[in-house]
PDB file of N, CA and C in Angstrom:
ATOM      1  N   MET A   1       0.947  -1.086   0.374  1.00  0.00           N
ATOM      2  CA  MET A   1       0.081   0.507  -0.322  1.00  0.00           C
ATOM      3  C   MET A   1       1.290   1.428  -0.302  1.00  0.00           C
ATOM      4  N   SER A   2       0.199   2.393  -0.681  1.00  0.00           N
ATOM      5  CA  SER A   2       0.769   3.799  -0.318  1.00  0.00           C
ATOM      6  C   SER A   2       0.470   4.513   0.511  1.00  0.00           C
ATOM      7  N   ASP A   3       0.842   5.855   0.693  1.00  0.00           N
ATOM      8  CA  ASP A   3       0.103   7.166   1.856  1.00  0.00           C
ATOM      9  C   ASP A   3      -0.102   7.737   0.379  1.00  0.00           C
ATOM     10  N   SER A   4      -0.676   8.651   0.640  1.00  0.00           N
ATOM     11  CA  SER A   4      -1.513   9.944  -0.185  1.00  0.00           C
ATOM     12  C   SER A   4       0.155  10.643  -0.662  1.00  0.00           C
ATOM     13  N   GLN A   5       1.160  10.310  -0.416  1.00  0.00           N
ATOM     14  CA  GLN A   5       2.428  11.002  -0.838  1.00  0.00           C
ATOM     15  C   GLN A   5       3.477   9.780  -1.678  1.00  0.00           C
ATOM     16  N   GLY A   6       2.503   8.656  -2.015  1.00  0.00           N
ATOM     17  CA  GLY A   6       3.042   7.576  -2.820  1.00  0.00           C
ATOM     18  C   GLY A   6       4.117   6.692  -2.264  1.00  0.00           C
ATOM     19  N   ARG A   7       4.508   7.171  -0.880  1.00  0.00           N
ATOM     20  CA  ARG A   7       5.394   6.153  -0.032  1.00  0.00           C
ATOM     21  C   ARG A   7       4.413   4.824   0.355  1.00  0.00           C
ATOM     22  N   ALA A   8       5.595   3.609   0.265  1.00  0.00           N
ATOM     23  CA  ALA A   8       4.894   2.497   1.280  1.00  0.00           C
ATOM     24  C   ALA A   8       4.549   2.233   2.580  1.00  0.00           C
ATOM     25  N   THR A   9       3.761   1.929   2.746  1.00  0.00           N
ATOM     26  CA  THR A   9       2.998   1.996   4.230  1.00  0.00           C
ATOM     27  C   THR A   9       3.086   0.635   5.009  1.00  0.00           C
ATOM     28  N   ASN A  10       2.830   0.295   6.191  1.00  0.00           N
ATOM     29  CA  ASN A  10       2.886  -1.358   6.265  1.00  0.00           C
ATOM     30  C   ASN A  10       1.499  -1.255   7.294  1.00  0.00           C
ATOM     31  N   ASN A  11       0.570  -2.142   6.905  1.00  0.00           N
ATOM     32  CA  ASN A  11      -0.780  -1.859   7.256  1.00  0.00           C
ATOM     33  C   ASN A  11      -0.800  -3.127   8.772  1.00  0.00           C
ATOM     34  N   THR A  12       0.425  -3.785   9.000  1.00  0.00           N
ATOM     35  CA  THR A  12       0.493  -5.101   9.915  1.00  0.00           C
ATOM     36  C   THR A  12       0.515  -4.595  10.828  1.00  0.00           C
ATOM     37  N   GLN A  13       1.279  -3.458  11.563  1.00  0.00           N
ATOM     38  CA  GLN A  13       1.087  -2.877  12.815  1.00  0.00           C
ATOM     39  C   GLN A  13      -0.491  -2.534  13.430  1.00  0.00           C
ATOM     40  N   PRO A  14      -1.210  -2.064  12.569  1.00  0.00           N
ATOM     41  CA  PRO A  14      -2.810  -1.884  13.130  1.00  0.00           C
ATOM     42  C   PRO A  14      -3.116  -2.825  13.396  1.00  0.00           C
ATOM     43  N   GLN A  15      -3.076  -4.134  12.202  1.00  0.00           N
ATOM     44  CA  GLN A  15      -3.731  -5.359  12.527  1.00  0.00           C
ATOM     45  C   GLN A  15      -3.279  -5.841  13.961  1.00  0.00           C
ATOM     46  N   GLU A  16      -1.713  -5.744  13.807  1.00  0.00           N
ATOM     47  CA  GLU A  16      -1.155  -6.734  14.777  1.00  0.00           C
ATOM     48  C   GLU A  16      -2.162  -5.909  16.157  1.00  0.00           C
ATOM     49  N   ALA A  17      -2.167  -4.377  16.337  1.00  0.00           N
ATOM     50  CA  ALA A  17      -2.393  -4.215  17.414  1.00  0.00           C
ATOM     51  C   ALA A  17      -4.471  -4.767  17.728  1.00  0.00           C
ATOM     52  N   VAL A  18      -4.638  -4.831  16.741  1.00  0.00           N
ATOM     53  CA  VAL A  18      -6.184  -5.063  16.895  1.00  0.00           C
ATOM     54  C   VAL A  18      -6.273  -6.462  17.524  1.00  0.00           C
ATOM     55  N   MET A  19      -5.315  -7.384  16.444  1.00  0.00           N
ATOM     56  CA  MET A  19      -5.337  -9.145  17.143  1.00  0.00           C
ATOM     57  C   MET A  19      -4.488  -8.792  18.908  1.00  0.00           C
ATOM     58  N   SER A  20      -3.673  -8.508  19.236  1.00  0.00           N
ATOM     59  CA  SER A  20      -3.399  -7.964  20.564  1.00  0.00           C
ATOM     60  C   SER A  20      -4.443  -7.958  21.670  1.00  0.00           C
ATOM     61  N   LYS A  21      -4.971  -6.770  21.100  1.00  0.00           N
ATOM     62  CA  LYS A  21      -6.199  -6.503  21.758  1.00  0.00           C
ATOM     63  C   LYS A  21      -7.340  -7.289  22.269  1.00  0.00           C
ATOM     64  N   LEU A  22      -7.432  -8.214  20.910  1.00  0.00           N
ATOM     65  CA  LEU A  22      -8.827  -8.994  21.078  1.00  0.00           C
ATOM     66  C   LEU A  22      -8.197 -10.808  21.512  1.00  0.00           C
ATOM     67  N   LEU A  23      -6.695 -11.003  21.250  1.00  0.00           N
ATOM     68  CA  LEU A  23      -6.363 -11.807  21.705  1.00  0.00           C
ATOM     69  C   LEU A  23      -6.152 -11.843  23.389  1.00  0.00           C
ATOM     70  N   ILE A  24      -5.502 -10.962  23.982  1.00  0.00           N
ATOM     71  CA  ILE A  24      -5.643 -10.854  25.375  1.00  0.00           C
ATOM     72  C   ILE A  24      -6.354 -11.109  26.095  1.00  0.00           C
ATOM     73  N   PRO A  25      -7.754 -10.823  25.860  1.00  0.00           N
ATOM     74  CA  PRO A  25      -9.400 -10.895  26.755  1.00  0.00           C
ATOM     75  C   PRO A  25      -9.747 -12.283  26.494  1.00  0.00           C
ATOM     76  N   ALA A  26      -9.086 -13.039  24.975  1.00  0.00           N
ATOM     77  CA  ALA A  26      -9.556 -14.469  24.895  1.00  0.00           C
ATOM     78  C   ALA A  26      -8.694 -15.352  25.731  1.00  0.00           C
ATOM     79  N   LEU A  27      -7.897 -14.872  26.037  1.00  0.00           N
ATOM     80  CA  LEU A  27      -6.790 -16.027  26.775  1.00  0.00           C
ATOM     81  C   LEU A  27      -7.366 -15.770  27.987  1.00  0.00           C
ATOM     82  N   ALA A  28      -7.532 -14.548  28.752  1.00  0.00           N
ATOM     83  CA  ALA A  28      -7.599 -14.026  30.000  1.00  0.00           C
ATOM     84  C   ALA A  28      -9.117 -15.182  30.416  1.00  0.00           C
ATOM     85  N   LEU A  29      -9.960 -14.794  29.554  1.00  0.00           N
ATOM     86  CA  LEU A  29     -11.768 -15.645  29.081  1.00  0.00           C
ATOM     87  C   LEU A  29     -11.075 -17.196  29.307  1.00  0.00           C
ATOM     88  N   GLY A  30     -10.059 -17.648  28.888  1.00  0.00           N
ATOM     89  CA  GLY A  30      -9.891 -19.104  29.027  1.00  0.00           C
ATOM     90  C   GLY A  30      -9.188 -19.838  29.870  1.00  0.00           C
ATOM     91  N   LEU A  31      -8.350 -18.506  30.495  1.00  0.00           N
ATOM     92  CA  LEU A  31      -7.630 -19.247  31.956  1.00  0.00           C
ATOM     93  C   LEU A  31      -9.032 -18.836  32.864  1.00  0.00           C
ATOM     94  N   ALA A  32      -9.911 -18.128  33.076  1.00  0.00           N
ATOM     95  CA  ALA A  32     -10.557 -17.837  33.924  1.00  0.00           C
ATOM     96  C   ALA A  32     -11.835 -18.764  33.876  1.00  0.00           C
ATOM     97  N   LEU A  33     -12.215 -19.314  32.634  1.00  0.00           N
ATOM     98  CA  LEU A  33     -13.423 -20.546  32.660  1.00  0.00           C
ATOM     99  C   LEU A  33     -13.026 -21.572  33.743  1.00  0.00           C
ATOM    100  N   PRO A  34     -12.291 -22.265  34.166  1.00  0.00           N
ATOM    101  CA  PRO A  34     -12.245 -23.352  34.608  1.00  0.00           C
ATOM    102  C   PRO A  34     -12.318 -23.159  36.028  1.00  0.00           C
ATOM    103  N   LEU A  35     -11.785 -21.649  36.536  1.00  0.00           N
ATOM    104  CA  LEU A  35     -12.086 -21.539  38.121  1.00  0.00           C
ATOM    105  C   LEU A  35     -13.551 -21.358  38.058  1.00  0.00           C
ATOM    106  N   PHE A  36     -14.211 -20.834  37.234  1.00  0.00           N
ATOM    107  CA  PHE A  36     -15.827 -20.255  37.117  1.00  0.00           C
ATOM    108  C   PHE A  36     -16.240 -22.082  37.082  1.00  0.00           C
ATOM    109  N   ALA A  37     -16.103 -23.096  36.417  1.00  0.00           N
ATOM    110  CA  ALA A  37     -16.422 -24.451  36.214  1.00  0.00           C
ATOM    111  C   ALA A  37     -16.105 -24.770  37.570  1.00  0.00           C
ATOM    112  N   ALA A  38     -15.314 -24.593  38.700  1.00  0.00           N
ATOM    113  CA  ALA A  38     -14.750 -25.553  39.848  1.00  0.00           C
ATOM    114  C   ALA A  38     -15.832 -24.611  40.653  1.00  0.00           C
ATOM    115  N   ALA A  39     -16.105 -23.341  40.582  1.00  0.00           N
ATOM    116  CA  ALA A  39     -16.967 -23.081  41.445  1.00  0.00           C
ATOM    117  C   ALA A  39     -18.661 -23.418  41.774  1.00  0.00           C
ATOM    118  N   THR A  40     -18.835 -23.467  40.386  1.00  0.00           N
ATOM    119  CA  THR A  40     -20.181 -23.983  40.330  1.00  0.00           C
ATOM    120  C   THR A  40     -20.723 -25.209  39.257  1.00  0.00           C
ATOM    121  N   PRO A  41     -21.309 -25.901  39.942  1.00  0.00           N
ATOM    122  CA  PRO A  41     -21.593 -27.112  39.303  1.00  0.00           C
ATOM    123  C   PRO A  41     -22.430 -27.287  37.940  1.00  0.00           C
ATOM    124  N   ALA A  42     -22.135 -27.322  36.790  1.00  0.00           N
ATOM    125  CA  ALA A  42     -22.753 -27.452  35.390  1.00  0.00           C
ATOM    126  C   ALA A  42     -24.281 -28.372  35.193  1.00  0.00           C
ATOM    127  N   ALA A  43     -25.107 -27.739  34.652  1.00  0.00           N
ATOM    128  CA  ALA A  43     -26.122 -28.658  34.200  1.00  0.00           C
ATOM    129  C   ALA A  43     -25.486 -30.016  33.547  1.00  0.00           C
ATOM    130  N   ALA A  44     -24.403 -29.669  32.418  1.00  0.00           N
ATOM    131  CA  ALA A  44     -24.468 -30.701  31.783  1.00  0.00           C
ATOM    132  C   ALA A  44     -23.082 -31.282  32.383  1.00  0.00           C
ATOM    133  N   GLN A  45     -22.683 -31.462  33.389  1.00  0.00           N
ATOM    134  CA  GLN A  45     -22.017 -32.198  33.982  1.00  0.00           C
ATOM    135  C   GLN A  45     -22.154 -33.612  34.165  1.00  0.00           C
ATOM    136  N   SER A  46     -21.798 -34.822  34.007  1.00  0.00           N
ATOM    137  CA  SER A  46     -21.917 -36.280  34.297  1.00  0.00           C
ATOM    138  C   SER A  46     -22.342 -36.006  35.861  1.00  0.00           C
ATOM    139  N   CYS A  47     -22.971 -37.473  36.320  1.00  0.00           N
ATOM    140  CA  CYS A  47     -23.608 -37.728  37.407  1.00  0.00           C
ATOM    141  C   CYS A  47     -21.632 -37.875  38.436  1.00  0.00           C
ATOM    142  N   GLU A  48     -21.126 -38.716  37.337  1.00  0.00           N
ATOM    143  CA  GLU A  48     -20.137 -38.822  38.203  1.00  0.00           C
ATOM    144  C   GLU A  48     -18.866 -37.707  38.517  1.00  0.00           C
ATOM    145  N   ASP A  49     -19.033 -36.651  37.591  1.00  0.00           N
ATOM    146  CA  ASP A  49     -18.474 -35.417  37.941  1.00  0.00           C
ATOM    147  C   ASP A  49     -18.805 -34.795  38.761  1.00  0.00           C
ATOM    148  N   LEU A  50     -20.071 -34.777  39.030  1.00  0.00           N
ATOM    149  CA  LEU A  50     -20.645 -34.023  40.024  1.00  0.00           C
ATOM    150  C   LEU A  50     -20.420 -34.580  41.458  1.00  0.00           C
ATOM    151  N   TRP A  51     -20.608 -35.769  41.235  1.00  0.00           N
ATOM    152  CA  TRP A  51     -20.410 -36.868  42.674  1.00  0.00           C
ATOM    153  C   TRP A  51     -18.728 -36.449  43.018  1.00  0.00           C
ATOM    154  N   TYR A  52     -17.648 -36.189  42.234  1.00  0.00           N
ATOM    155  CA  TYR A  52     -16.617 -36.057  42.675  1.00  0.00           C
ATOM    156  C   TYR A  52     -16.298 -34.948  43.091  1.00  0.00           C
ATOM    157  N   GLN A  53     -16.540 -34.116  42.170  1.00  0.00           N
ATOM    158  CA  GLN A  53     -16.728 -32.744  42.750  1.00  0.00           C
ATOM    159  C   GLN A  53     -17.114 -32.230  44.347  1.00  0.00           C
ATOM    160  N   ARG A  54     -18.123 -33.033  44.300  1.00  0.00           N
ATOM    161  CA  ARG A  54     -18.885 -32.953  45.941  1.00  0.00           C
ATOM    162  C   ARG A  54     -17.722 -33.337  46.950  1.00  0.00           C
ATOM    163  N   ASN A  55     -17.603 -34.601  46.659  1.00  0.00           N
ATOM    164  CA  ASN A  55     -16.680 -35.549  47.822  1.00  0.00           C
ATOM    165  C   ASN A  55     -15.287 -34.987  47.407  1.00  0.00           C
ATOM    166  N   GLU A  56     -14.925 -34.232  47.044  1.00  0.00           N
ATOM    167  CA  GLU A  56     -13.337 -33.602  46.804  1.00  0.00           C
ATOM    168  C   GLU A  56     -13.448 -32.446  47.731  1.00  0.00           C
ATOM    169  N   ILE A  57     -14.102 -31.502  47.921  1.00  0.00           N
ATOM    170  CA  ILE A  57     -14.719 -30.517  48.816  1.00  0.00           C
ATOM    171  C   ILE A  57     -14.442 -31.373  50.266  1.00  0.00           C
ATOM    172  N   TYR A  58     -14.993 -32.533  50.537  1.00  0.00           N
ATOM    173  CA  TYR A  58     -15.435 -33.135  52.039  1.00  0.00           C
ATOM    174  C   TYR A  58     -13.832 -33.813  52.294  1.00  0.00           C
ATOM    175  N   LYS A  59     -13.200 -34.214  51.166  1.00  0.00           N
ATOM    176  CA  LYS A  59     -11.890 -34.937  51.205  1.00  0.00           C
ATOM    177  C   LYS A  59     -10.824 -33.654  51.793  1.00  0.00           C
ATOM    178  N   ALA A  60     -11.060 -32.817  51.221  1.00  0.00           N
ATOM    179  CA  ALA A  60      -9.834 -31.575  51.481  1.00  0.00           C
ATOM    180  C   ALA A  60     -10.223 -30.893  52.870  1.00  0.00           C
ATOM    181  N   GLN A  61     -11.465 -31.091  53.377  1.00  0.00           N
ATOM    182  CA  GLN A  61     -11.817 -30.911  54.779  1.00  0.00           C
ATOM    183  C   GLN A  61     -11.585 -31.819  56.080  1.00  0.00           C
ATOM    184  N   GLY A  62     -11.282 -33.136  55.554  1.00  0.00           N
ATOM    185  CA  GLY A  62     -10.634 -33.800  56.181  1.00  0.00           C
ATOM    186  C   GLY A  62     -12.066 -35.291  56.841  1.00  0.00           C
ATOM    187  N   TYR A  63     -12.908 -35.201  55.529  1.00  0.00           N
ATOM    188  CA  TYR A  63     -13.887 -36.392  56.023  1.00  0.00           C
ATOM    189  C   TYR A  63     -13.364 -37.892  55.844  1.00  0.00           C
ATOM    190  N   CYS A  64     -13.687 -38.975  56.758  1.00  0.00           N
ATOM    191  CA  CYS A  64     -13.609 -40.240  56.723  1.00  0.00           C
ATOM    192  C   CYS A  64     -14.675 -40.782  55.735  1.00  0.00           C
ATOM    193  N   PHE A  65     -13.878 -41.237  54.340  1.00  0.00           N
ATOM    194  CA  PHE A  65     -15.458 -41.923  53.756  1.00  0.00           C
ATOM    195  C   PHE A  65     -15.669 -43.128  54.330  1.00  0.00           C
ATOM    196  N   ARG A  66     -16.537 -43.811  54.111  1.00  0.00           N
ATOM    197  CA  ARG A  66     -17.369 -45.261  54.461  1.00  0.00           C
ATOM    198  C   ARG A  66     -17.328 -46.076  53.156  1.00  0.00           C
ATOM    199  N   THR A  67     -17.915 -45.517  52.285  1.00  0.00           N
ATOM    200  CA  THR A  67     -18.362 -46.512  51.143  1.00  0.00           C
ATOM    201  C   THR A  67     -16.765 -46.838  50.011  1.00  0.00           C
ATOM    202  N   GLN A  68     -17.130 -48.297  49.627  1.00  0.00           N
ATOM    203  CA  GLN A  68     -16.126 -48.343  48.734  1.00  0.00           C
ATOM    204  C   GLN A  68     -15.361 -47.413  47.935  1.00  0.00           C
ATOM    205  N   ARG A  69     -16.742 -46.888  46.940  1.00  0.00           N
ATOM    206  CA  ARG A  69     -15.911 -45.478  45.913  1.00  0.00           C
ATOM    207  C   ARG A  69     -15.788 -44.326  46.628  1.00  0.00           C
ATOM    208  N   GLY A  70     -15.961 -44.139  47.673  1.00  0.00           N
ATOM    209  CA  GLY A  70     -15.399 -43.090  48.644  1.00  0.00           C
ATOM    210  C   GLY A  70     -13.972 -43.024  48.795  1.00  0.00           C
ATOM    211  N   ILE A  71     -13.960 -44.497  49.304  1.00  0.00           N
ATOM    212  CA  ILE A  71     -12.294 -44.579  49.464  1.00  0.00           C
ATOM    213  C   ILE A  71     -11.489 -45.203  48.557  1.00  0.00           C
ATOM    214  N   SER A  72     -12.051 -45.830  47.447  1.00  0.00           N
ATOM    215  CA  SER A  72     -11.311 -46.035  46.410  1.00  0.00           C
ATOM    216  C   SER A  72     -10.790 -44.474  45.547  1.00  0.00           C
ATOM    217  N   ALA A  73     -11.604 -43.744  45.405  1.00  0.00           N
ATOM    218  CA  ALA A  73     -11.637 -42.088  44.747  1.00  0.00           C
ATOM    219  C   ALA A  73     -10.501 -41.658  45.788  1.00  0.00           C
ATOM    220  N   PHE A  74     -11.007 -41.520  46.848  1.00  0.00           N
ATOM    221  CA  PHE A  74     -10.009 -40.539  47.726  1.00  0.00           C
ATOM    222  C   PHE A  74      -9.025 -41.103  49.051  1.00  0.00           C
ATOM    223  N   GLY A  75      -9.576 -42.206  49.087  1.00  0.00           N
ATOM    224  CA  GLY A  75      -8.763 -42.974  49.979  1.00  0.00           C
ATOM    225  C   GLY A  75      -8.872 -42.137  51.462  1.00  0.00           C
ATOM    226  N   ASN A  76      -8.585 -42.719  52.562  1.00  0.00           N
ATOM    227  CA  ASN A  76      -8.968 -42.185  54.120  1.00  0.00           C
ATOM    228  C   ASN A  76      -7.811 -41.285  54.850  1.00  0.00           C
ATOM    229  N   ALA A  77      -6.310 -41.464  54.194  1.00  0.00           N
ATOM    230  CA  ALA A  77      -5.708 -40.602  55.191  1.00  0.00           C
ATOM    231  C   ALA A  77      -5.364 -39.744  55.263  1.00  0.00           C
ATOM    232  N   GLY A  78      -5.185 -39.585  56.586  1.00  0.00           N
ATOM    233  CA  GLY A  78      -5.561 -38.039  57.376  1.00  0.00           C
ATOM    234  C   GLY A  78      -6.713 -37.642  57.060  1.00  0.00           C
ATOM    235  N   CYS A  79      -7.415 -38.689  57.062  1.00  0.00           N
ATOM    236  CA  CYS A  79      -8.990 -37.931  57.618  1.00  0.00           C
ATOM    237  C   CYS A  79      -9.094 -37.482  59.268  1.00  0.00           C
ATOM    238  N   GLN A  80     -10.306 -36.877  59.519  1.00  0.00           N
ATOM    239  CA  GLN A  80     -10.646 -36.520  60.892  1.00  0.00           C
ATOM    240  C   GLN A  80     -12.147 -36.617  61.355  1.00  0.00           C
ATOM    241  N   TYR A  81     -13.101 -36.666  60.246  1.00  0.00           N
ATOM    242  CA  TYR A  81     -14.390 -36.660  60.747  1.00  0.00           C
ATOM    243  C   TYR A  81     -15.114 -37.724  59.808  1.00  0.00           C
ATOM    244  N   ASP A  82     -15.747 -38.417  60.957  1.00  0.00           N
ATOM    245  CA  ASP A  82     -16.350 -39.662  60.268  1.00  0.00           C
ATOM    246  C   ASP A  82     -18.017 -39.232  60.108  1.00  0.00           C
ATOM    247  N   ASN A  83     -18.385 -38.125  60.610  1.00  0.00           N
ATOM    248  CA  ASN A  83     -19.489 -37.950  60.463  1.00  0.00           C
ATOM    249  C   ASN A  83     -19.457 -36.505  59.368  1.00  0.00           C
ATOM    250  N   VAL A  84     -20.093 -36.691  58.673  1.00  0.00           N
ATOM    251  CA  VAL A  84     -20.179 -35.696  57.249  1.00  0.00           C
ATOM    252  C   VAL A  84     -20.673 -34.065  58.224  1.00  0.00           C
ATOM    253  N   GLU A  85     -21.395 -34.069  58.660  1.00  0.00           N
ATOM    254  CA  GLU A  85     -22.320 -33.154  59.652  1.00  0.00           C
ATOM    255  C   GLU A  85     -21.006 -32.577  60.260  1.00  0.00           C
ATOM    256  N   ASP A  86     -20.259 -32.789  60.724  1.00  0.00           N
ATOM    257  CA  ASP A  86     -18.832 -32.472  61.538  1.00  0.00           C
ATOM    258  C   ASP A  86     -17.516 -31.771  61.059  1.00  0.00           C
ATOM    259  N   VAL A  87     -17.892 -31.972  59.435  1.00  0.00           N
ATOM    260  CA  VAL A  87     -16.834 -31.482  58.983  1.00  0.00           C
ATOM    261  C   VAL A  87     -17.249 -29.904  58.630  1.00  0.00           C
ATOM    262  N   PRO A  88     -15.719 -29.353  59.212  1.00  0.00           N
ATOM    263  CA  PRO A  88     -15.718 -27.803  58.953  1.00  0.00           C
ATOM    264  C   PRO A  88     -16.101 -27.377  57.403  1.00  0.00           C
ATOM    265  N   LEU A  89     -16.795 -26.677  57.310  1.00  0.00           N
ATOM    266  CA  LEU A  89     -16.977 -26.441  55.793  1.00  0.00           C
ATOM    267  C   LEU A  89     -17.291 -24.676  56.103  1.00  0.00           C
ATOM    268  N   SER A  90     -16.778 -24.248  54.951  1.00  0.00           N
ATOM    269  CA  SER A  90     -17.151 -22.539  54.728  1.00  0.00           C
ATOM    270  C   SER A  90     -18.195 -22.410  54.337  1.00  0.00           C
ATOM    271  N   ALA A  91     -19.134 -20.529  54.565  1.00  0.00           N
ATOM    272  CA  ALA A  91     -20.348 -20.876  53.608  1.00  0.00           C
ATOM    273  C   ALA A  91     -20.251 -21.019  52.306  1.00  0.00           C
ATOM    274  N   THR A  92     -19.161 -20.758  51.633  1.00  0.00           N
ATOM    275  CA  THR A  92     -19.038 -21.078  49.890  1.00  0.00           C
ATOM    276  C   THR A  92     -18.917 -22.172  49.899  1.00  0.00           C
ATOM    277  N   GLN A  93     -18.192 -23.086  50.999  1.00  0.00           N
ATOM    278  CA  GLN A  93     -18.356 -24.900  50.774  1.00  0.00           C
ATOM    279  C   GLN A  93     -19.806 -25.259  50.448  1.00  0.00           C
ATOM    280  N   ARG A  94     -20.136 -24.798  51.664  1.00  0.00           N
ATOM    281  CA  ARG A  94     -21.820 -25.440  51.979  1.00  0.00           C
ATOM    282  C   ARG A  94     -22.441 -24.332  50.568  1.00  0.00           C
ATOM    283  N   ARG A  95     -22.462 -23.231  50.006  1.00  0.00           N
ATOM    284  CA  ARG A  95     -23.332 -23.238  49.015  1.00  0.00           C
ATOM    285  C   ARG A  95     -23.145 -24.259  47.763  1.00  0.00           C
ATOM    286  N   VAL A  96     -21.490 -24.450  47.399  1.00  0.00           N
ATOM    287  CA  VAL A  96     -20.832 -25.083  46.163  1.00  0.00           C
ATOM    288  C   VAL A  96     -21.855 -26.684  46.550  1.00  0.00           C
ATOM    289  N   ILE A  97     -21.714 -27.137  47.460  1.00  0.00           N
ATOM    290  CA  ILE A  97     -22.233 -28.634  47.854  1.00  0.00           C
ATOM    291  C   ILE A  97     -24.006 -28.491  47.649  1.00  0.00           C
ATOM    292  N   ALA A  98     -24.231 -27.674  48.432  1.00  0.00           N
ATOM    293  CA  ALA A  98     -25.884 -27.674  47.721  1.00  0.00           C
ATOM    294  C   ALA A  98     -26.003 -27.379  46.429  1.00  0.00           C
ATOM    295  N   ASP A  99     -25.454 -26.146  45.867  1.00  0.00           N
ATOM    296  CA  ASP A  99     -25.726 -26.539  44.161  1.00  0.00           C
ATOM    297  C   ASP A  99     -25.227 -27.909  43.433  1.00  0.00           C
ATOM    298  N   ILE A 100     -24.392 -28.514  44.038  1.00  0.00           N
ATOM    299  CA  ILE A 100     -23.961 -30.181  43.400  1.00  0.00           C
ATOM    300  C   ILE A 100     -24.986 -30.873  43.846  1.00  0.00           C
ATOM    301  N   GLN A 101     -25.125 -30.872  44.600  1.00  0.00           N
ATOM    302  CA  GLN A 101     -26.601 -31.848  45.139  1.00  0.00           C
ATOM    303  C   GLN A 101     -27.655 -31.583  44.344  1.00  0.00           C
ATOM    304  N   ARG A 102     -28.126 -30.060  44.078  1.00  0.00           N
ATOM    305  CA  ARG A 102     -29.435 -30.091  43.711  1.00  0.00           C
ATOM    306  C   ARG A 102     -29.042 -30.247  42.156  1.00  0.00           C
ATOM    307  N   ALA A 103     -28.215 -30.126  41.807  1.00  0.00           N
ATOM    308  CA  ALA A 103     -27.861 -30.182  39.950  1.00  0.00           C
ATOM    309  C   ALA A 103     -27.700 -32.049  39.946  1.00  0.00           C
ATOM    310  N   GLU A 104     -27.124 -32.700  41.358  1.00  0.00           N
ATOM    311  CA  GLU A 104     -27.358 -34.659  40.933  1.00  0.00           C
ATOM    312  C   GLU A 104     -28.959 -34.902  40.925  1.00  0.00           C
ATOM    313  N   ARG A 105     -29.793 -34.200  41.745  1.00  0.00           N
ATOM    314  CA  ARG A 105     -31.199 -34.457  41.768  1.00  0.00           C
ATOM    315  C   ARG A 105     -31.757 -34.010  40.582  1.00  0.00           C
ATOM    316  N   THR A 106     -31.509 -33.161  39.788  1.00  0.00           N
ATOM    317  CA  THR A 106     -31.859 -32.606  38.824  1.00  0.00           C
ATOM    318  C   THR A 106     -31.744 -33.628  37.734  1.00  0.00           C
ATOM    319  N   SER A 107     -30.294 -34.230  37.823  1.00  0.00           N
ATOM    320  CA  SER A 107     -29.953 -34.982  36.673  1.00  0.00           C
ATOM    321  C   SER A 107     -30.258 -36.317  37.598  1.00  0.00           C
ATOM    322  N   ARG A 108     -31.028 -36.639  38.116  1.00  0.00           N
ATOM    323  CA  ARG A 108     -31.706 -37.803  38.787  1.00  0.00           C
ATOM    324  C   ARG A 108     -29.976 -39.017  38.472  1.00  0.00           C
ATOM    325  N   CYS A 109     -29.209 -38.192  39.527  1.00  0.00           N
ATOM    326  CA  CYS A 109     -28.160 -39.090  39.569  1.00  0.00           C
ATOM    327  C   CYS A 109     -28.200 -39.990  41.177  1.00  0.00           C
ATOM    328  N   PRO A 110     -27.683 -41.280  40.499  1.00  0.00           N
ATOM    329  CA  PRO A 110     -27.831 -42.216  41.654  1.00  0.00           C
ATOM    330  C   PRO A 110     -27.289 -41.565  43.240  1.00  0.00           C
ATOM    331  N   ARG A 111     -28.024 -42.346  44.514  1.00  0.00           N
ATOM    332  CA  ARG A 111     -27.300 -41.911  45.597  1.00  0.00           C
ATOM    333  C   ARG A 111     -26.327 -42.610  46.258  1.00  0.00           C
TER     334      ARG A 111
END
């Protein structure tokens, strides 16, 4: 291309600027999506995913699993609480667990 005085111009710089302006937010969104997915259960998740996500919270807080499924998935090393009601959970963790349980009921997941 040339400018009004016939000199060659380079149009790649404005295109590169536009691409970088679009690329940075797209990358940021891509990095943030897993954080949102972990915080709230999606309706499209499988029953297995929902079960794992819910019990992962309990495991991190020291729950001792009783079922073979729970023990196989998480083990009981370092567990401290035999009763799920005794597990110390934050308000956010309780809300996430309630959301997961709601999604499990909606999906008719086995108990």
